Protein backbone atom coordinates (compact mmCIF):
# COMPACT_ATOMS: atom_id res chain seq x y z
CA MET A 1 -10.05 -11.12 26.04
CA THR A 2 -11.85 -14.43 25.00
CA PRO A 3 -10.92 -16.25 22.00
CA THR A 4 -14.12 -15.38 20.35
CA ALA A 5 -13.45 -11.52 21.08
CA GLN A 6 -9.80 -12.00 19.94
CA SER A 7 -10.97 -13.36 16.66
CA ALA A 8 -13.42 -10.71 16.12
CA ALA A 9 -10.59 -8.03 16.82
CA ALA A 10 -8.44 -9.99 14.39
CA ASN A 11 -10.77 -10.09 11.58
CA ARG A 12 -11.49 -6.36 11.96
CA SER A 13 -7.78 -5.76 11.83
CA ALA A 14 -7.70 -7.66 8.68
CA GLU A 15 -10.37 -6.25 6.98
CA GLN A 16 -8.98 -2.62 7.99
CA ALA A 17 -5.69 -3.36 6.59
CA ARG A 18 -7.33 -4.81 3.22
CA THR A 19 -9.18 -1.26 3.18
CA LEU A 20 -6.10 0.65 3.62
CA ALA A 21 -4.09 -1.28 0.88
CA LEU A 22 -6.93 -0.93 -1.57
CA THR A 23 -7.22 2.58 -0.72
CA ALA A 24 -3.71 3.19 -1.38
CA ALA A 25 -3.58 1.19 -4.51
CA ARG A 26 -6.60 3.46 -5.75
CA VAL A 27 -4.86 6.72 -4.90
CA ALA A 28 -1.73 5.61 -6.32
CA ALA A 29 -3.75 4.83 -9.77
CA GLU A 30 -5.73 7.97 -9.50
CA THR A 31 -2.19 10.06 -9.28
CA ARG A 32 -1.15 8.34 -12.36
CA GLY A 33 0.79 5.52 -10.98
CA THR A 34 1.47 2.48 -13.19
CA ASP A 35 1.65 -1.27 -12.67
CA VAL A 36 -0.27 -0.74 -9.07
CA LYS A 37 -0.09 -3.97 -7.45
CA ILE A 38 -1.19 -5.38 -4.14
CA LEU A 39 0.58 -8.09 -2.49
CA ASP A 40 -1.32 -10.32 0.19
CA LEU A 41 1.58 -11.34 2.54
CA ARG A 42 -0.50 -12.45 5.69
CA GLU A 43 0.40 -16.25 4.83
CA LEU A 44 4.07 -15.48 4.70
CA THR A 45 5.13 -13.23 7.29
CA PRO A 46 3.66 -12.07 10.46
CA VAL A 47 5.36 -8.50 10.21
CA PHE A 48 2.74 -7.07 7.79
CA ASP A 49 -0.22 -8.02 5.87
CA TYR A 50 -0.21 -6.18 2.40
CA PHE A 51 2.33 -4.52 0.45
CA VAL A 52 1.15 -2.11 -2.38
CA VAL A 53 3.82 -1.33 -4.94
CA ALA A 54 3.31 1.28 -7.65
CA THR A 55 5.69 3.17 -10.19
CA GLY A 56 6.22 6.66 -11.07
CA THR A 57 7.49 8.39 -14.04
CA SER A 58 9.37 11.28 -12.03
CA LYS A 59 10.66 12.21 -8.54
CA ARG A 60 7.73 14.95 -8.82
CA GLN A 61 4.97 12.24 -9.51
CA ILE A 62 6.28 9.94 -7.07
CA HIS A 63 6.30 12.58 -4.37
CA ALA A 64 2.79 13.53 -5.54
CA MET A 65 1.44 9.82 -5.07
CA ALA A 66 2.94 9.62 -1.69
CA ASP A 67 1.41 12.77 -0.63
CA GLU A 68 -1.86 12.17 -1.73
CA ILE A 69 -2.04 8.51 -0.20
CA GLU A 70 -1.10 9.84 3.20
CA LYS A 71 -3.70 12.76 2.67
CA VAL A 72 -6.62 10.23 1.70
CA VAL A 73 -5.77 7.56 4.36
CA LYS A 74 -5.69 10.11 6.99
CA ALA A 75 -9.21 11.80 5.75
CA GLU A 76 -11.21 8.67 4.68
CA LEU A 77 -9.63 5.89 7.00
CA HIS A 78 -8.49 8.18 9.86
CA ASP A 79 -5.50 6.44 9.90
CA ARG A 80 -1.79 7.73 9.38
CA ARG A 81 1.72 6.46 8.39
CA ARG A 82 4.04 5.39 11.12
CA GLY A 83 7.09 6.20 9.11
CA ALA A 84 8.44 6.81 5.70
CA GLU A 85 11.78 6.45 3.98
CA GLY A 86 13.20 7.69 0.70
CA TYR A 87 11.24 11.05 0.02
CA GLU A 88 14.09 13.15 -0.31
CA GLU A 89 15.72 10.95 -3.18
CA GLY A 90 12.47 9.99 -4.62
CA ARG A 91 13.50 6.82 -6.26
CA TRP A 92 11.81 4.63 -3.94
CA ILE A 93 9.60 5.83 -1.39
CA VAL A 94 8.20 3.51 1.45
CA LEU A 95 5.30 4.72 3.45
CA ASP A 96 4.79 2.36 6.58
CA PHE A 97 1.35 2.27 7.81
CA GLY A 98 1.97 -0.74 10.10
CA ASN A 99 0.23 -3.74 8.73
CA VAL A 100 0.45 -2.08 5.22
CA VAL A 101 3.71 -0.99 3.67
CA VAL A 102 3.26 1.34 0.35
CA HIS A 103 6.38 1.05 -2.01
CA LEU A 104 6.45 3.81 -4.59
CA PHE A 105 9.34 3.46 -7.05
CA ASP A 106 10.61 4.94 -10.50
CA ALA A 107 10.99 2.51 -13.28
CA GLU A 108 14.64 1.74 -12.69
CA SER A 109 14.42 1.18 -8.92
CA ARG A 110 11.45 -1.20 -9.26
CA GLU A 111 13.17 -3.29 -11.86
CA TYR A 112 16.30 -3.45 -9.76
CA TRP A 113 14.73 -4.40 -6.15
CA ASP A 114 11.95 -6.47 -7.90
CA LEU A 115 9.54 -6.77 -4.83
CA GLU A 116 6.97 -9.17 -6.85
CA HIS A 117 9.74 -11.54 -7.51
CA LEU A 118 11.33 -11.35 -3.91
CA TRP A 119 7.70 -11.99 -2.68
CA SER A 120 6.64 -14.19 -5.41
CA GLY A 121 4.58 -16.75 -3.13
CA ALA A 122 2.11 -13.65 -2.25
CA LYS A 123 -1.39 -13.72 -3.25
CA GLN A 124 -2.30 -10.85 -5.73
CA VAL A 125 -5.19 -8.74 -4.86
CA ALA A 126 -7.03 -7.14 -7.47
CA ALA A 127 -6.57 -3.39 -7.40
CA PRO A 128 -9.50 -0.85 -7.73
CA ALA A 129 -10.26 0.47 -11.36
CA VAL A 130 -9.31 4.15 -11.38
CA GLY A 131 -12.53 6.09 -11.11
CA ALA A 132 -14.01 3.00 -9.15
CA ALA A 133 -16.98 4.25 -6.84
CA ARG A 134 -16.02 4.95 -3.26
CA ASP A 135 -17.70 3.70 -0.19
CA GLY A 136 -18.58 6.12 2.24
C-alpha cells in the first residue's frame, strides 16, 4: 500500500470511529443516559480512539442503553461489538467496538472509577443533542 493510500485508509478509519462514538453517545442520551461524554484518546494511546461514557439510573436502564447502542450501531453503521463485560452485574457495562469503547455506569461506579479524571488529557468531543437529526 502506498503512503497516500495508507493515509486515506487511516482517515476513513478515524472518521468511522468518530461516527461510531457520536452514534453511541446519541443513543445513550436517547435512552435516558445522563452526563454523556465522548473522550478523544487518539493522542494519548494507540489502543483505541474514543471512549463514550454515560450514567444510568438502574441496572435495567443501563441494560437498555447497552442493548440499544448495539442495535443501532449494527443497523446504522453495519458494525458490531467485539466484546462486552459487566452485563450481568449491570453496574458498569463495557462495550468494545474495537477503536471505540463504551462505558455505561451506575452513578456510584462512575464516581469511583472516574474515567474522565484518569484520562484527563483527552479532548472532549461535543456529544450530539437528543433528537438531533440523523444522517442517512
